Structure formats: C-alpha cells, structure tokens
Amino acid sequence: MSACKDQDPRIHGIKTKIRVVPNFPKPGIMFQDITTLLLDPKAFKDTIDLFVERYKGKNISVVAGIEARGFIFGPPIALAIGAKFVPLRKPRKLPGKVISEEYILEYGRDCLEMHVGAVEPGDRALVVDDLIATGGTLCAAMNLLGNHFVKFEY
C-alpha cells in the first residue's frame, strides 16, 4: 500500500480530524488546525505511519522540524527511520551559535535559525512542517540546510 495514494483510507480519517479555522490569524486565512488531529491517537499514529512508510529506507539522515508543529511530527518520524532530529526555530530560541534565514509569510516576515554544525555535508534531509502556504518557510528551511550541501528528499 502506498502512502502517497488518496485511496489509502487513513488519509480520509486524518483529513476529517483537521479543523479549519476561518480568518485566523488574519482575515482571509483559512487556518488548518492540527490540534484536533492530536486529540485522536489513531489519526495521529496514522499520520506518523504514513510518513515513516514513505521515507523509511531512503537514507534520510536528518529530519528537520520547523517550529512549532514540525516539533510534534518530526521527532517520532526521525526515531522511526533512524535519523537525527534538527529543530529549526524562531529567532533567539536556540542557545549557542546559530545560522539564520529570513523569509516572507502570507501575513508578514519571519526568520528560522538552526545550530551551527547540526547538519553535515552529505546529510540527506526531510523537512517536516504542518502545511505549505506560500512556501516561504520551506524555502528558508531548505536554504538553511542547503548551505551545508544537504540532499533533500521530496
């Protein structure tokens, strides 16, 4: 069974557990709230399992989780596929030396930071976040990781 196919019954179950909140955090934005998914252990497990099935055996060495929801899904995926977990955080949240990448959101600007030395040349990365809106956060994550010659899995 392929985790990529819409025919997988788990996908429908997961979709029904994600609440849509109109006009949050600003008018015109349809916020996809995953906290309702987290309240259902089966839907949460199915979500993790789908990622693990897709990426296990693909030589992923780094799972990079984008703050904050990437911290929820990233660590269990990393553990299950035998990869290290690297948090990509908002500014001034990580101690020690960091590298930064600024990006544009659909409703403003932000920045991601990562510890210097968290990834190494040749690492193969999977970036985990809860959704892609404009793609700015994903691009920032890829730029942070890519500055270290990381290969990406899509």
Protein backbone atom coordinates (compact mmCIF):
# COMPACT_ATOMS: atom_id res chain seq x y z
CA MET A 1 0.00 0.00 0.00
CA SER A 2 1.43 3.36 -1.00
CA ALA A 3 1.28 6.18 1.50
CA CYS A 4 1.08 8.64 -1.42
CA LYS A 5 -2.26 7.43 -2.76
CA ASP A 6 -5.52 9.12 -1.84
CA GLN A 7 -7.06 5.62 -1.82
CA ASP A 8 -5.35 4.89 1.50
CA PRO A 9 -8.26 5.02 3.97
CA ARG A 10 -6.04 6.55 6.62
CA ILE A 11 -5.79 9.77 4.63
CA HIS A 12 -9.53 10.36 4.75
CA GLY A 13 -9.53 9.71 8.51
CA ILE A 14 -6.69 12.18 9.01
CA LYS A 15 -8.38 14.87 6.90
CA THR A 16 -11.57 14.62 8.96
CA LYS A 17 -9.59 15.35 12.14
CA ILE A 18 -8.07 18.63 10.93
CA ARG A 19 -10.20 21.63 11.88
CA VAL A 20 -10.35 24.62 9.53
CA VAL A 21 -10.50 27.97 11.34
CA PRO A 22 -11.54 30.84 9.04
CA ASN A 23 -9.88 34.25 9.35
CA PHE A 24 -7.10 33.10 11.68
CA PRO A 25 -4.60 34.57 12.41
CA LYS A 26 -5.73 37.29 9.97
CA PRO A 27 -8.80 37.90 7.81
CA GLY A 28 -8.83 35.78 4.67
CA ILE A 29 -6.63 32.98 6.04
CA MET A 30 -8.13 29.51 6.42
CA PHE A 31 -6.02 28.09 9.27
CA GLN A 32 -5.57 24.31 9.27
CA ASP A 33 -5.64 23.41 12.98
CA ILE A 34 -3.90 20.11 13.70
CA THR A 35 -4.55 20.22 17.45
CA THR A 36 -7.81 18.35 16.79
CA LEU A 37 -5.83 15.64 14.98
CA LEU A 38 -3.53 15.29 18.01
CA LEU A 39 -6.55 14.56 20.21
CA ASP A 40 -7.18 11.36 18.24
CA PRO A 41 -4.40 8.80 18.92
CA LYS A 42 -5.31 6.68 15.87
CA ALA A 43 -5.28 9.65 13.47
CA PHE A 44 -2.01 10.92 14.98
CA LYS A 45 -0.40 7.46 14.67
CA ASP A 46 -1.69 7.07 11.12
CA THR A 47 -0.12 10.42 10.22
CA ILE A 48 3.27 9.37 11.58
CA ASP A 49 2.99 5.91 9.99
CA LEU A 50 2.30 7.38 6.54
CA PHE A 51 5.48 9.46 6.72
CA VAL A 52 7.53 6.54 8.04
CA GLU A 53 6.26 4.21 5.29
CA ARG A 54 7.16 6.78 2.65
CA TYR A 55 10.66 7.67 3.93
CA LYS A 56 11.99 4.55 5.68
CA GLY A 57 14.84 3.03 3.68
CA LYS A 58 15.54 6.25 1.75
CA ASN A 59 18.80 7.01 3.59
CA ILE A 60 17.41 10.07 5.35
CA SER A 61 19.97 11.13 7.96
CA VAL A 62 18.27 14.34 9.17
CA VAL A 63 14.65 15.16 9.92
CA ALA A 64 14.41 18.94 10.27
CA GLY A 65 11.30 20.12 12.09
CA ILE A 66 10.03 23.65 11.64
CA GLU A 67 8.76 25.36 14.80
CA ALA A 68 6.37 24.54 16.21
CA ARG A 69 4.32 21.81 14.55
CA GLY A 70 7.38 20.24 12.97
CA PHE A 71 8.45 19.53 16.56
CA ILE A 72 5.33 17.41 17.03
CA PHE A 73 5.66 15.26 13.91
CA GLY A 74 9.41 15.36 13.30
CA PRO A 75 10.85 13.51 16.33
CA PRO A 76 8.69 10.37 16.05
CA ILE A 77 9.40 10.21 12.31
CA ALA A 78 13.15 10.67 12.93
CA LEU A 79 13.20 7.92 15.56
CA ALA A 80 11.26 5.50 13.36
CA ILE A 81 13.51 5.96 10.32
CA GLY A 82 16.78 6.10 12.30
CA ALA A 83 17.62 9.76 11.64
CA LYS A 84 18.66 12.63 13.87
CA PHE A 85 16.18 15.41 14.58
CA VAL A 86 17.20 19.02 13.96
CA PRO A 87 14.89 21.78 15.25
CA LEU A 88 14.52 24.86 13.05
CA ARG A 89 13.44 27.57 15.49
CA LYS A 90 12.23 31.13 15.67
CA PRO A 91 14.90 33.76 16.45
CA ARG A 92 16.63 33.75 19.85
CA LYS A 93 15.25 30.36 20.95
CA LEU A 94 18.42 28.30 20.46
CA PRO A 95 21.47 28.71 22.70
CA GLY A 96 24.93 28.84 21.16
CA LYS A 97 25.96 29.67 17.62
CA VAL A 98 23.22 29.65 15.01
CA ILE A 99 22.72 30.45 11.37
CA SER A 100 19.60 32.34 10.27
CA GLU A 101 17.36 32.64 7.24
CA GLU A 102 14.68 35.31 6.86
CA TYR A 103 11.55 34.63 4.81
CA ILE A 104 8.19 36.11 3.85
CA LEU A 105 4.88 34.72 5.11
CA GLU A 106 1.47 35.36 3.60
CA TYR A 107 0.87 37.68 6.56
CA GLY A 108 4.31 39.09 7.38
CA ARG A 109 8.03 38.25 7.72
CA ASP A 110 9.83 35.79 9.95
CA CYS A 111 13.14 34.04 10.46
CA LEU A 112 14.34 30.49 11.15
CA GLU A 113 17.51 29.54 12.99
CA MET A 114 19.49 26.32 13.26
CA HIS A 115 22.50 25.36 15.36
CA VAL A 116 25.82 25.62 13.56
CA GLY A 117 27.05 22.06 12.98
CA ALA A 118 23.61 20.44 13.28
CA VAL A 119 23.92 19.07 9.75
CA GLU A 120 26.97 17.89 7.87
CA PRO A 121 27.86 17.82 4.19
CA GLY A 122 26.28 14.78 2.60
CA ASP A 123 23.38 14.57 5.04
CA ARG A 124 20.07 13.73 3.41
CA ALA A 125 17.22 15.78 4.86
CA LEU A 126 13.48 15.54 5.24
CA VAL A 127 11.82 18.83 6.25
CA VAL A 128 8.66 18.49 8.37
CA ASP A 129 6.06 21.22 8.91
CA ASP A 130 2.30 21.19 9.19
CA LEU A 131 1.42 22.85 5.88
CA ILE A 132 2.75 24.83 2.97
CA ALA A 133 1.04 28.17 2.31
CA THR A 134 3.33 30.43 0.28
CA GLY A 135 6.32 28.11 0.59
CA GLY A 136 8.42 30.78 2.32
CA THR A 137 9.08 28.74 5.45
CA LEU A 138 10.01 25.66 3.43
CA CYS A 139 12.36 27.70 1.24
CA ALA A 140 14.00 29.19 4.34
CA ALA A 141 14.46 25.71 5.81
CA MET A 142 15.95 24.42 2.57
CA ASN A 143 18.30 27.41 2.41
CA LEU A 144 19.45 26.83 6.00
CA LEU A 145 20.07 23.15 5.40
CA GLY A 146 21.27 23.57 1.82
CA ASN A 147 24.08 25.88 2.87
CA HIS A 148 25.60 22.69 4.24
CA PHE A 149 25.29 20.73 1.00
CA VAL A 150 22.39 18.65 2.20
CA LYS A 151 20.43 16.50 -0.24
CA PHE A 152 16.65 16.73 0.01
CA GLU A 153 14.00 14.02 -0.19
CA TYR A 154 10.70 15.00 -1.78
